[in-house]
Amino acid sequence: MAARSLEIGAAGIRAARTIEILRTQRGFAQRELAARVTALGRPMSNTMLSRIERAQRRCDIDDLAAIADALAVSPLVLLRGPSAP
């Protein structure tokens, strides 16, 4: 079986950018958002969040759901982008 590519695709890059945009709009530092995600039961360091936002780390579905909860948005908002209806 061939190894699966770890390259982050268009949806992952869009989600990463949206996370950063929404975080800054809400006035959260990376450390604050990571702490909120951790408090929701998904341990996350600010380094992990930084790598997700820079599309250097894949954001799995559990991370995505917890980050969306911490930002008080639907996970769909993160997948579609900040300007999507």
C-alpha atoms as a PDB file:
ATOM      1  CA  MET A   1       0.000   0.000   0.000  1.00  0.00           C
ATOM      2  CA  ALA A   2       1.370   3.415  -0.967  1.00  0.00           C
ATOM      3  CA  ALA A   3       2.079   5.955   1.759  1.00  0.00           C
ATOM      4  CA  ARG A   4      -0.533   8.665   2.072  1.00  0.00           C
ATOM      5  CA  SER A   5       0.606  12.201   1.338  1.00  0.00           C
ATOM      6  CA  LEU A   6       0.789  14.517   4.327  1.00  0.00           C
ATOM      7  CA  GLU A   7       0.474  17.587   2.157  1.00  0.00           C
ATOM      8  CA  ILE A   8      -2.208  19.977   3.368  1.00  0.00           C
ATOM      9  CA  GLY A   9      -4.820  20.601   0.709  1.00  0.00           C
ATOM     10  CA  ALA A  10      -6.925  23.623  -0.161  1.00  0.00           C
ATOM     11  CA  ALA A  11      -9.574  22.937   2.511  1.00  0.00           C
ATOM     12  CA  GLY A  12      -6.896  22.612   5.202  1.00  0.00           C
ATOM     13  CA  ILE A  13      -5.219  25.843   4.160  1.00  0.00           C
ATOM     14  CA  ARG A  14      -8.576  27.657   4.066  1.00  0.00           C
ATOM     15  CA  ALA A  15      -9.427  26.345   7.561  1.00  0.00           C
ATOM     16  CA  ALA A  16      -6.009  27.408   8.870  1.00  0.00           C
ATOM     17  CA  ARG A  17      -6.449  30.955   7.571  1.00  0.00           C
ATOM     18  CA  THR A  18     -10.004  31.147   8.889  1.00  0.00           C
ATOM     19  CA  ILE A  19      -8.915  30.034  12.358  1.00  0.00           C
ATOM     20  CA  GLU A  20      -6.299  32.791  12.439  1.00  0.00           C
ATOM     21  CA  ILE A  21      -8.721  35.437  11.150  1.00  0.00           C
ATOM     22  CA  LEU A  22     -11.466  34.549  13.642  1.00  0.00           C
ATOM     23  CA  ARG A  23      -8.994  34.287  16.520  1.00  0.00           C
ATOM     24  CA  THR A  24      -7.636  37.770  15.880  1.00  0.00           C
ATOM     25  CA  GLN A  25     -11.132  39.216  15.329  1.00  0.00           C
ATOM     26  CA  ARG A  26     -12.094  37.927  18.768  1.00  0.00           C
ATOM     27  CA  GLY A  27      -8.942  39.367  20.317  1.00  0.00           C
ATOM     28  CA  PHE A  28      -7.464  36.032  21.411  1.00  0.00           C
ATOM     29  CA  ALA A  29      -3.740  35.398  21.523  1.00  0.00           C
ATOM     30  CA  GLN A  30      -2.756  31.925  20.326  1.00  0.00           C
ATOM     31  CA  ARG A  31      -2.069  30.965  23.930  1.00  0.00           C
ATOM     32  CA  GLU A  32      -5.610  32.022  24.938  1.00  0.00           C
ATOM     33  CA  LEU A  33      -7.315  30.080  22.163  1.00  0.00           C
ATOM     34  CA  ALA A  34      -5.180  27.012  22.864  1.00  0.00           C
ATOM     35  CA  ALA A  35      -6.182  27.231  26.539  1.00  0.00           C
ATOM     36  CA  ARG A  36      -9.871  27.469  25.568  1.00  0.00           C
ATOM     37  CA  VAL A  37      -9.528  24.402  23.339  1.00  0.00           C
ATOM     38  CA  THR A  38      -7.759  22.525  26.147  1.00  0.00           C
ATOM     39  CA  ALA A  39     -10.508  23.524  28.608  1.00  0.00           C
ATOM     40  CA  LEU A  40     -13.022  21.945  26.203  1.00  0.00           C
ATOM     41  CA  GLY A  41     -11.203  18.625  26.586  1.00  0.00           C
ATOM     42  CA  ARG A  42      -8.906  18.681  23.543  1.00  0.00           C
ATOM     43  CA  PRO A  43      -5.351  19.307  24.821  1.00  0.00           C
ATOM     44  CA  MET A  44      -3.616  21.865  22.602  1.00  0.00           C
ATOM     45  CA  SER A  45      -0.511  23.961  23.088  1.00  0.00           C
ATOM     46  CA  ASN A  46      -0.010  27.376  21.540  1.00  0.00           C
ATOM     47  CA  THR A  47       2.760  25.797  19.431  1.00  0.00           C
ATOM     48  CA  MET A  48       0.287  23.280  18.006  1.00  0.00           C
ATOM     49  CA  LEU A  49      -2.182  26.054  17.235  1.00  0.00           C
ATOM     50  CA  SER A  50       0.537  28.151  15.631  1.00  0.00           C
ATOM     51  CA  ARG A  51       1.506  25.262  13.371  1.00  0.00           C
ATOM     52  CA  ILE A  52      -2.137  24.659  12.437  1.00  0.00           C
ATOM     53  CA  GLU A  53      -2.597  28.348  11.548  1.00  0.00           C
ATOM     54  CA  ARG A  54       0.573  28.323   9.417  1.00  0.00           C
ATOM     55  CA  ALA A  55      -0.573  25.104   7.683  1.00  0.00           C
ATOM     56  CA  GLN A  56       2.492  23.297   8.994  1.00  0.00           C
ATOM     57  CA  ARG A  57       0.403  20.797  10.976  1.00  0.00           C
ATOM     58  CA  ARG A  58      -2.676  18.918   9.840  1.00  0.00           C
ATOM     59  CA  CYS A  59      -5.825  19.790  11.757  1.00  0.00           C
ATOM     60  CA  ASP A  60      -7.765  16.592  12.381  1.00  0.00           C
ATOM     61  CA  ILE A  61     -11.530  16.572  12.756  1.00  0.00           C
ATOM     62  CA  ASP A  62     -11.396  16.537  16.578  1.00  0.00           C
ATOM     63  CA  ASP A  63      -9.064  19.552  16.585  1.00  0.00           C
ATOM     64  CA  LEU A  64     -11.328  21.332  14.097  1.00  0.00           C
ATOM     65  CA  ALA A  65     -14.453  20.696  16.176  1.00  0.00           C
ATOM     66  CA  ALA A  66     -12.795  21.863  19.414  1.00  0.00           C
ATOM     67  CA  ILE A  67     -11.336  24.995  17.800  1.00  0.00           C
ATOM     68  CA  ALA A  68     -14.734  25.819  16.305  1.00  0.00           C
ATOM     69  CA  ASP A  69     -16.342  25.400  19.762  1.00  0.00           C
ATOM     70  CA  ALA A  70     -13.702  27.634  21.335  1.00  0.00           C
ATOM     71  CA  LEU A  71     -14.361  30.293  18.668  1.00  0.00           C
ATOM     72  CA  ALA A  72     -18.162  29.870  19.029  1.00  0.00           C
ATOM     73  CA  VAL A  73     -18.697  28.991  15.362  1.00  0.00           C
ATOM     74  CA  SER A  74     -19.755  25.938  13.430  1.00  0.00           C
ATOM     75  CA  PRO A  75     -16.945  23.739  12.102  1.00  0.00           C
ATOM     76  CA  LEU A  76     -18.449  24.479   8.681  1.00  0.00           C
ATOM     77  CA  VAL A  77     -17.433  28.128   9.058  1.00  0.00           C
ATOM     78  CA  LEU A  78     -13.822  27.025   9.436  1.00  0.00           C
ATOM     79  CA  LEU A  79     -14.059  24.800   6.366  1.00  0.00           C
ATOM     80  CA  ARG A  80     -15.836  27.301   4.136  1.00  0.00           C
ATOM     81  CA  GLY A  81     -13.848  30.383   5.076  1.00  0.00           C
ATOM     82  CA  PRO A  82     -14.659  33.650   6.843  1.00  0.00           C
ATOM     83  CA  SER A  83     -16.464  35.305   3.939  1.00  0.00           C
ATOM     84  CA  ALA A  84     -18.746  32.378   3.065  1.00  0.00           C
ATOM     85  CA  PRO A  85     -22.449  32.880   3.828  1.00  0.00           C
END
